[in-house]
Amino acid sequence: MPRIERTAAVSWEGNLARGEGAISAGTSGAFSGLPYSMPTRVGRAEGKTSPEELLAAAHGGCITMSLAGELTALGHPAERIDTTCRIVMDEVEGQGHQIVGSVVTIVATAGGLDEAGLVEATRLADEGCPFSALLKRAGATVEVSSRLA
């Protein structure tokens, strides 16, 4: 696989407590001006995103693509994969707030696939997912579970 580089553009106005920002996809232009702020980051989302939500989307998207590849390699191409990813940030003594975990839940449909095959494909997908590797190297726990639809 070739080297991959992607960019995002972020703007912020104001102080941390009352300021607001916007996040846009730089490379693809796929999204623009996603609003975010500290109050909506730690409280109710109120239609705004957060870095943690974007990380959840990135990890969930990456492991889903990895699973699709593993299922194809096992001879059971996915018909559908639905993934949810929950990023957990918590206070770590002496380190402030840190990403401490990612919980991934997958529901898959693939013709002829049994539970044992899905478990193995999921394990391989987690091993091959760069975001799983990044989180684990950073000391976060990564929990991945899957089931057939």
N, C-alpha and C. Protein backbone atom coordinates (compact mmCIF):
# COMPACT_ATOMS: atom_id res chain seq x y z
N MET A 1 0.85 -1.17 0.00
CA MET A 1 0.00 0.00 0.00
C MET A 1 0.90 1.24 0.00
N PRO A 2 0.56 2.23 -0.79
CA PRO A 2 1.38 3.44 -0.82
C PRO A 2 1.21 4.25 0.47
N ARG A 3 2.13 5.16 0.67
CA ARG A 3 2.03 6.08 1.80
C ARG A 3 0.74 6.88 1.64
N ILE A 4 0.03 7.06 2.71
CA ILE A 4 -1.24 7.80 2.67
C ILE A 4 -1.11 9.02 3.56
N GLU A 5 -1.51 10.16 3.02
CA GLU A 5 -1.55 11.39 3.80
C GLU A 5 -2.88 12.08 3.55
N ARG A 6 -3.52 12.52 4.60
CA ARG A 6 -4.77 13.26 4.50
C ARG A 6 -4.67 14.46 5.42
N THR A 7 -5.43 15.50 5.10
CA THR A 7 -5.39 16.71 5.91
C THR A 7 -6.80 17.12 6.33
N ALA A 8 -6.84 17.88 7.38
CA ALA A 8 -8.06 18.52 7.84
C ALA A 8 -7.69 19.95 8.22
N ALA A 9 -8.65 20.83 8.11
CA ALA A 9 -8.45 22.23 8.49
C ALA A 9 -9.34 22.51 9.70
N VAL A 10 -8.75 23.15 10.70
CA VAL A 10 -9.48 23.44 11.94
C VAL A 10 -9.32 24.91 12.27
N SER A 11 -10.43 25.55 12.61
CA SER A 11 -10.38 26.95 13.06
C SER A 11 -11.01 27.04 14.44
N TRP A 12 -10.57 28.01 15.22
CA TRP A 12 -11.09 28.21 16.58
C TRP A 12 -11.14 29.70 16.86
N GLU A 13 -12.22 30.13 17.48
CA GLU A 13 -12.35 31.54 17.87
C GLU A 13 -12.76 31.60 19.33
N GLY A 14 -12.01 32.38 20.12
CA GLY A 14 -12.36 32.58 21.51
C GLY A 14 -11.55 31.72 22.46
N ASN A 15 -11.89 31.85 23.74
CA ASN A 15 -11.17 31.09 24.75
C ASN A 15 -11.70 29.66 24.80
N LEU A 16 -11.11 28.82 25.63
CA LEU A 16 -11.50 27.42 25.69
C LEU A 16 -12.92 27.24 26.19
N ALA A 17 -13.31 27.96 27.25
CA ALA A 17 -14.61 27.75 27.87
C ALA A 17 -15.77 28.21 27.00
N ARG A 18 -15.59 29.31 26.28
CA ARG A 18 -16.71 29.88 25.52
C ARG A 18 -16.47 29.93 24.01
N GLY A 19 -15.30 29.53 23.61
CA GLY A 19 -14.98 29.57 22.19
C GLY A 19 -15.65 28.45 21.41
N GLU A 20 -15.55 28.58 20.09
CA GLU A 20 -16.09 27.56 19.20
C GLU A 20 -15.15 27.39 18.02
N GLY A 21 -15.22 26.22 17.42
CA GLY A 21 -14.39 25.96 16.26
C GLY A 21 -15.16 25.22 15.19
N ALA A 22 -14.46 24.99 14.09
CA ALA A 22 -15.03 24.24 12.98
C ALA A 22 -13.94 23.37 12.38
N ILE A 23 -14.33 22.17 11.97
CA ILE A 23 -13.41 21.20 11.38
C ILE A 23 -13.89 20.89 9.97
N SER A 24 -12.96 20.94 9.02
CA SER A 24 -13.29 20.65 7.62
C SER A 24 -12.30 19.65 7.06
N ALA A 25 -12.78 18.82 6.17
CA ALA A 25 -11.89 17.89 5.46
C ALA A 25 -11.08 18.70 4.47
N GLY A 26 -9.77 18.58 4.56
CA GLY A 26 -8.91 19.33 3.65
C GLY A 26 -8.68 18.60 2.35
N THR A 27 -8.38 17.32 2.42
CA THR A 27 -8.01 16.55 1.23
C THR A 27 -9.22 16.27 0.35
N SER A 28 -10.27 15.72 0.93
CA SER A 28 -11.40 15.25 0.13
C SER A 28 -12.50 16.28 -0.05
N GLY A 29 -12.63 17.19 0.90
CA GLY A 29 -13.75 18.10 0.87
C GLY A 29 -15.07 17.42 1.25
N ALA A 30 -15.00 16.22 1.82
CA ALA A 30 -16.19 15.43 2.13
C ALA A 30 -17.07 16.08 3.19
N PHE A 31 -16.48 16.87 4.07
CA PHE A 31 -17.27 17.60 5.06
C PHE A 31 -16.63 18.95 5.27
N SER A 32 -17.47 19.90 5.69
CA SER A 32 -16.97 21.25 5.84
C SER A 32 -17.67 21.93 7.00
N GLY A 33 -16.89 22.59 7.81
CA GLY A 33 -17.45 23.41 8.88
C GLY A 33 -18.18 22.66 9.98
N LEU A 34 -17.71 21.44 10.33
CA LEU A 34 -18.34 20.73 11.44
C LEU A 34 -18.06 21.51 12.73
N PRO A 35 -19.09 22.01 13.40
CA PRO A 35 -18.85 22.81 14.60
C PRO A 35 -18.48 21.95 15.81
N TYR A 36 -17.66 22.51 16.67
CA TYR A 36 -17.33 21.86 17.94
C TYR A 36 -16.97 22.92 18.96
N SER A 37 -17.12 22.56 20.26
CA SER A 37 -16.80 23.49 21.34
C SER A 37 -16.53 22.67 22.60
N MET A 38 -15.95 23.30 23.59
CA MET A 38 -15.69 22.59 24.84
C MET A 38 -16.98 22.20 25.55
N PRO A 39 -17.96 23.10 25.69
CA PRO A 39 -19.19 22.69 26.37
C PRO A 39 -19.88 21.50 25.70
N THR A 40 -19.88 21.45 24.37
CA THR A 40 -20.53 20.32 23.70
C THR A 40 -19.62 19.11 23.64
N ARG A 41 -18.33 19.30 23.88
CA ARG A 41 -17.39 18.17 23.93
C ARG A 41 -17.59 17.37 25.21
N VAL A 42 -17.79 18.06 26.31
CA VAL A 42 -17.90 17.38 27.60
C VAL A 42 -19.34 17.23 28.07
N GLY A 43 -20.29 17.90 27.43
CA GLY A 43 -21.69 17.83 27.81
C GLY A 43 -22.53 17.30 26.67
N ARG A 44 -23.69 17.88 26.51
CA ARG A 44 -24.59 17.49 25.42
C ARG A 44 -24.01 17.94 24.09
N ALA A 45 -24.11 17.07 23.10
CA ALA A 45 -23.52 17.36 21.79
C ALA A 45 -24.21 18.51 21.07
N GLU A 46 -25.49 18.66 21.23
CA GLU A 46 -26.25 19.76 20.63
C GLU A 46 -25.91 19.97 19.15
N GLY A 47 -25.77 18.88 18.41
CA GLY A 47 -25.52 18.99 16.98
C GLY A 47 -24.08 19.32 16.60
N LYS A 48 -23.20 19.33 17.58
CA LYS A 48 -21.78 19.61 17.30
C LYS A 48 -20.97 18.34 17.51
N THR A 49 -19.84 18.24 16.84
CA THR A 49 -18.99 17.06 16.95
C THR A 49 -17.89 17.30 17.98
N SER A 50 -16.99 16.35 18.08
CA SER A 50 -15.85 16.47 18.98
C SER A 50 -14.69 15.67 18.41
N PRO A 51 -13.47 15.95 18.85
CA PRO A 51 -12.35 15.12 18.40
C PRO A 51 -12.56 13.64 18.73
N GLU A 52 -13.18 13.34 19.87
CA GLU A 52 -13.41 11.96 20.25
C GLU A 52 -14.40 11.28 19.31
N GLU A 53 -15.44 12.01 18.91
CA GLU A 53 -16.41 11.45 17.97
C GLU A 53 -15.76 11.20 16.61
N LEU A 54 -14.89 12.10 16.18
CA LEU A 54 -14.20 11.91 14.91
C LEU A 54 -13.24 10.73 14.99
N LEU A 55 -12.59 10.54 16.15
CA LEU A 55 -11.73 9.37 16.33
C LEU A 55 -12.56 8.08 16.31
N ALA A 56 -13.73 8.10 16.94
CA ALA A 56 -14.61 6.94 16.91
C ALA A 56 -15.01 6.61 15.47
N ALA A 57 -15.32 7.62 14.70
CA ALA A 57 -15.68 7.40 13.29
C ALA A 57 -14.49 6.83 12.51
N ALA A 58 -13.31 7.36 12.78
CA ALA A 58 -12.12 6.88 12.07
C ALA A 58 -11.80 5.44 12.44
N HIS A 59 -11.82 5.12 13.72
CA HIS A 59 -11.51 3.75 14.14
C HIS A 59 -12.58 2.79 13.63
N GLY A 60 -13.85 3.16 13.77
CA GLY A 60 -14.93 2.31 13.28
C GLY A 60 -14.86 2.09 11.78
N GLY A 61 -14.57 3.13 11.03
CA GLY A 61 -14.45 3.00 9.58
C GLY A 61 -13.28 2.14 9.17
N CYS A 62 -12.16 2.30 9.84
CA CYS A 62 -10.95 1.54 9.52
C CYS A 62 -11.14 0.05 9.80
N ILE A 63 -11.65 -0.28 10.98
CA ILE A 63 -11.78 -1.70 11.32
C ILE A 63 -12.86 -2.37 10.47
N THR A 64 -13.88 -1.61 10.06
CA THR A 64 -14.90 -2.15 9.18
C THR A 64 -14.31 -2.51 7.82
N MET A 65 -13.50 -1.63 7.28
CA MET A 65 -12.83 -1.92 6.00
C MET A 65 -11.89 -3.11 6.14
N SER A 66 -11.19 -3.19 7.27
CA SER A 66 -10.28 -4.30 7.52
C SER A 66 -11.06 -5.61 7.58
N LEU A 67 -12.22 -5.60 8.25
CA LEU A 67 -13.04 -6.80 8.33
C LEU A 67 -13.57 -7.21 6.97
N ALA A 68 -13.96 -6.25 6.16
CA ALA A 68 -14.44 -6.57 4.80
C ALA A 68 -13.35 -7.29 4.02
N GLY A 69 -12.12 -6.85 4.17
CA GLY A 69 -11.00 -7.51 3.49
C GLY A 69 -10.77 -8.92 4.01
N GLU A 70 -10.84 -9.10 5.32
CA GLU A 70 -10.63 -10.42 5.92
C GLU A 70 -11.73 -11.40 5.52
N LEU A 71 -12.96 -10.93 5.49
CA LEU A 71 -14.07 -11.80 5.09
C LEU A 71 -13.92 -12.23 3.63
N THR A 72 -13.50 -11.32 2.79
CA THR A 72 -13.27 -11.65 1.38
C THR A 72 -12.16 -12.69 1.26
N ALA A 73 -11.09 -12.51 2.02
CA ALA A 73 -9.97 -13.45 1.98
C ALA A 73 -10.40 -14.84 2.46
N LEU A 74 -11.36 -14.91 3.37
CA LEU A 74 -11.86 -16.19 3.87
C LEU A 74 -12.91 -16.81 2.94
N GLY A 75 -13.23 -16.13 1.84
CA GLY A 75 -14.20 -16.64 0.89
C GLY A 75 -15.65 -16.34 1.24
N HIS A 76 -15.85 -15.37 2.14
CA HIS A 76 -17.19 -14.98 2.56
C HIS A 76 -17.33 -13.46 2.47
N PRO A 77 -17.35 -12.91 1.25
CA PRO A 77 -17.45 -11.45 1.14
C PRO A 77 -18.66 -10.90 1.90
N ALA A 78 -18.46 -9.79 2.55
CA ALA A 78 -19.53 -9.19 3.35
C ALA A 78 -20.67 -8.71 2.46
N GLU A 79 -21.87 -8.99 2.93
CA GLU A 79 -23.05 -8.39 2.32
C GLU A 79 -23.33 -7.06 3.01
N ARG A 80 -23.11 -7.03 4.33
CA ARG A 80 -23.30 -5.81 5.10
C ARG A 80 -22.52 -5.93 6.41
N ILE A 81 -21.93 -4.83 6.81
CA ILE A 81 -21.26 -4.74 8.11
C ILE A 81 -21.74 -3.44 8.77
N ASP A 82 -22.28 -3.55 9.96
CA ASP A 82 -22.68 -2.38 10.75
C ASP A 82 -21.81 -2.32 11.98
N THR A 83 -21.13 -1.21 12.16
CA THR A 83 -20.16 -1.06 13.24
C THR A 83 -20.48 0.17 14.07
N THR A 84 -20.39 0.03 15.38
CA THR A 84 -20.41 1.19 16.26
C THR A 84 -19.09 1.20 17.02
N CYS A 85 -18.60 2.39 17.26
CA CYS A 85 -17.34 2.55 17.99
C CYS A 85 -17.54 3.64 19.04
N ARG A 86 -17.17 3.31 20.26
CA ARG A 86 -17.28 4.26 21.37
C ARG A 86 -15.88 4.54 21.91
N ILE A 87 -15.44 5.77 21.78
CA ILE A 87 -14.15 6.20 22.33
C ILE A 87 -14.38 6.67 23.76
N VAL A 88 -13.52 6.24 24.67
CA VAL A 88 -13.64 6.60 26.08
C VAL A 88 -12.44 7.47 26.46
N MET A 89 -12.75 8.66 26.97
CA MET A 89 -11.71 9.54 27.50
C MET A 89 -11.98 9.69 28.99
N ASP A 90 -10.92 9.62 29.80
CA ASP A 90 -11.08 9.69 31.24
C ASP A 90 -9.88 10.40 31.83
N GLU A 91 -10.02 10.81 33.07
CA GLU A 91 -8.93 11.44 33.81
C GLU A 91 -7.94 10.34 34.23
N VAL A 92 -6.68 10.53 33.88
CA VAL A 92 -5.62 9.60 34.27
C VAL A 92 -4.71 10.36 35.23
N GLU A 93 -4.53 9.79 36.41
CA GLU A 93 -3.76 10.48 37.44
C GLU A 93 -2.39 10.91 36.93
N GLY A 94 -2.10 12.18 37.09
CA GLY A 94 -0.82 12.74 36.68
C GLY A 94 -0.70 13.01 35.19
N GLN A 95 -1.71 12.67 34.41
CA GLN A 95 -1.64 12.86 32.96
C GLN A 95 -2.80 13.67 32.38
N GLY A 96 -3.77 14.03 33.21
CA GLY A 96 -4.93 14.75 32.71
C GLY A 96 -5.87 13.82 31.96
N HIS A 97 -6.69 14.39 31.11
CA HIS A 97 -7.63 13.58 30.33
C HIS A 97 -6.90 12.88 29.20
N GLN A 98 -7.16 11.58 29.09
CA GLN A 98 -6.52 10.75 28.07
C GLN A 98 -7.56 9.85 27.42
N ILE A 99 -7.30 9.47 26.17
CA ILE A 99 -8.10 8.43 25.53
C ILE A 99 -7.67 7.12 26.18
N VAL A 100 -8.59 6.45 26.85
CA VAL A 100 -8.25 5.22 27.57
C VAL A 100 -8.83 3.96 26.93
N GLY A 101 -9.77 4.13 26.00
CA GLY A 101 -10.34 2.94 25.40
C GLY A 101 -11.15 3.21 24.16
N SER A 102 -11.34 2.13 23.42
CA SER A 102 -12.21 2.12 22.26
C SER A 102 -12.98 0.81 22.29
N VAL A 103 -14.29 0.90 22.21
CA VAL A 103 -15.14 -0.28 22.25
C VAL A 103 -15.86 -0.37 20.90
N VAL A 104 -15.56 -1.43 20.16
CA VAL A 104 -16.10 -1.61 18.82
C VAL A 104 -17.07 -2.79 18.82
N THR A 105 -18.26 -2.57 18.30
CA THR A 105 -19.26 -3.62 18.20
C THR A 105 -19.66 -3.75 16.73
N ILE A 106 -19.58 -4.97 16.21
CA ILE A 106 -19.81 -5.22 14.79
C ILE A 106 -20.93 -6.24 14.62
N VAL A 107 -21.83 -5.98 13.68
CA VAL A 107 -22.85 -6.93 13.25
C VAL A 107 -22.63 -7.14 11.76
N ALA A 108 -22.39 -8.39 11.36
CA ALA A 108 -22.03 -8.67 9.97
C ALA A 108 -22.97 -9.68 9.33
N THR A 109 -23.15 -9.52 8.04
CA THR A 109 -23.87 -10.47 7.21
C THR A 109 -22.96 -10.87 6.07
N ALA A 110 -22.70 -12.16 5.94
CA ALA A 110 -21.86 -12.69 4.87
C ALA A 110 -22.30 -14.12 4.60
N GLY A 111 -22.65 -14.42 3.37
CA GLY A 111 -23.15 -15.74 3.01
C GLY A 111 -22.19 -16.85 3.39
N GLY A 112 -22.72 -17.88 4.09
CA GLY A 112 -21.93 -19.04 4.45
C GLY A 112 -21.01 -18.87 5.63
N LEU A 113 -20.99 -17.70 6.22
CA LEU A 113 -20.09 -17.43 7.35
C LEU A 113 -20.72 -17.91 8.64
N ASP A 114 -19.94 -18.65 9.46
CA ASP A 114 -20.41 -19.05 10.78
C ASP A 114 -19.75 -18.18 11.84
N GLU A 115 -20.21 -18.35 13.08
CA GLU A 115 -19.69 -17.52 14.19
C GLU A 115 -18.18 -17.67 14.36
N ALA A 116 -17.67 -18.89 14.26
CA ALA A 116 -16.22 -19.12 14.42
C ALA A 116 -15.44 -18.38 13.33
N GLY A 117 -15.94 -18.41 12.13
CA GLY A 117 -15.27 -17.69 11.04
C GLY A 117 -15.30 -16.20 11.26
N LEU A 118 -16.42 -15.68 11.77
CA LEU A 118 -16.51 -14.25 12.05
C LEU A 118 -15.56 -13.85 13.18
N VAL A 119 -15.48 -14.67 14.21
CA VAL A 119 -14.57 -14.38 15.32
C VAL A 119 -13.13 -14.29 14.80
N GLU A 120 -12.72 -15.24 13.97
CA GLU A 120 -11.36 -15.22 13.43
C GLU A 120 -11.15 -14.03 12.51
N ALA A 121 -12.10 -13.74 11.66
CA ALA A 121 -11.97 -12.59 10.76
C ALA A 121 -11.90 -11.28 11.55
N THR A 122 -12.67 -11.20 12.63
CA THR A 122 -12.66 -10.01 13.48
C THR A 122 -11.30 -9.84 14.16
N ARG A 123 -10.75 -10.94 14.66
CA ARG A 123 -9.42 -10.89 15.29
C ARG A 123 -8.38 -10.38 14.29
N LEU A 124 -8.42 -10.93 13.08
CA LEU A 124 -7.47 -10.51 12.05
C LEU A 124 -7.70 -9.06 11.64
N ALA A 125 -8.96 -8.65 11.58
CA ALA A 125 -9.27 -7.26 11.22
C ALA A 125 -8.72 -6.30 12.26
N ASP A 126 -8.87 -6.65 13.52
CA ASP A 126 -8.34 -5.81 14.60
C ASP A 126 -6.81 -5.73 14.51
N GLU A 127 -6.17 -6.87 14.28
CA GLU A 127 -4.70 -6.88 14.13
C GLU A 127 -4.24 -6.05 12.95
N GLY A 128 -5.02 -6.02 11.89
CA GLY A 128 -4.62 -5.29 10.69
C GLY A 128 -5.08 -3.86 10.61
N CYS A 129 -5.84 -3.40 11.59
CA CYS A 129 -6.38 -2.04 11.57
C CYS A 129 -5.35 -1.05 12.15
N PRO A 130 -4.87 -0.10 11.36
CA PRO A 130 -3.89 0.87 11.86
C PRO A 130 -4.39 1.69 13.05
N PHE A 131 -5.70 1.97 13.11
CA PHE A 131 -6.20 2.74 14.24
C PHE A 131 -6.21 1.91 15.52
N SER A 132 -6.53 0.61 15.42
CA SER A 132 -6.43 -0.26 16.59
C SER A 132 -4.99 -0.29 17.08
N ALA A 133 -4.06 -0.44 16.16
CA ALA A 133 -2.64 -0.48 16.53
C ALA A 133 -2.21 0.83 17.20
N LEU A 134 -2.63 1.95 16.65
CA LEU A 134 -2.28 3.25 17.21
C LEU A 134 -2.80 3.40 18.63
N LEU A 135 -4.06 3.04 18.84
CA LEU A 135 -4.65 3.16 20.17
C LEU A 135 -3.96 2.24 21.17
N LYS A 136 -3.67 1.02 20.76
CA LYS A 136 -2.99 0.08 21.65
C LYS A 136 -1.59 0.55 22.01
N ARG A 137 -0.86 1.06 21.02
CA ARG A 137 0.50 1.58 21.30
C ARG A 137 0.45 2.75 22.27
N ALA A 138 -0.65 3.49 22.24
CA ALA A 138 -0.81 4.63 23.13
C ALA A 138 -1.26 4.22 24.53
N GLY A 139 -1.52 2.93 24.73
CA GLY A 139 -1.90 2.43 26.04
C GLY A 139 -3.40 2.33 26.26
N ALA A 140 -4.19 2.61 25.24
CA ALA A 140 -5.65 2.49 25.37
C ALA A 140 -6.06 1.03 25.18
N THR A 141 -7.14 0.65 25.82
CA THR A 141 -7.68 -0.68 25.58
C THR A 141 -8.55 -0.63 24.33
N VAL A 142 -8.51 -1.70 23.55
CA VAL A 142 -9.35 -1.82 22.38
C VAL A 142 -10.13 -3.12 22.53
N GLU A 143 -11.45 -2.98 22.65
CA GLU A 143 -12.33 -4.14 22.78
C GLU A 143 -13.15 -4.25 21.50
N VAL A 144 -13.06 -5.37 20.83
CA VAL A 144 -13.79 -5.58 19.59
C VAL A 144 -14.64 -6.82 19.73
N SER A 145 -15.92 -6.70 19.49
CA SER A 145 -16.82 -7.85 19.48
C SER A 145 -17.62 -7.84 18.19
N SER A 146 -18.03 -9.03 17.77
CA SER A 146 -18.82 -9.13 16.54
C SER A 146 -19.81 -10.27 16.67
N ARG A 147 -20.86 -10.15 15.89
CA ARG A 147 -21.87 -11.21 15.82
C ARG A 147 -22.48 -11.20 14.44
N LEU A 148 -23.03 -12.33 14.06
CA LEU A 148 -23.74 -12.42 12.80
C LEU A 148 -25.11 -11.76 12.94
N ALA A 149 -25.57 -11.15 11.87
CA ALA A 149 -26.89 -10.48 11.89
C ALA A 149 -27.99 -11.52 11.99
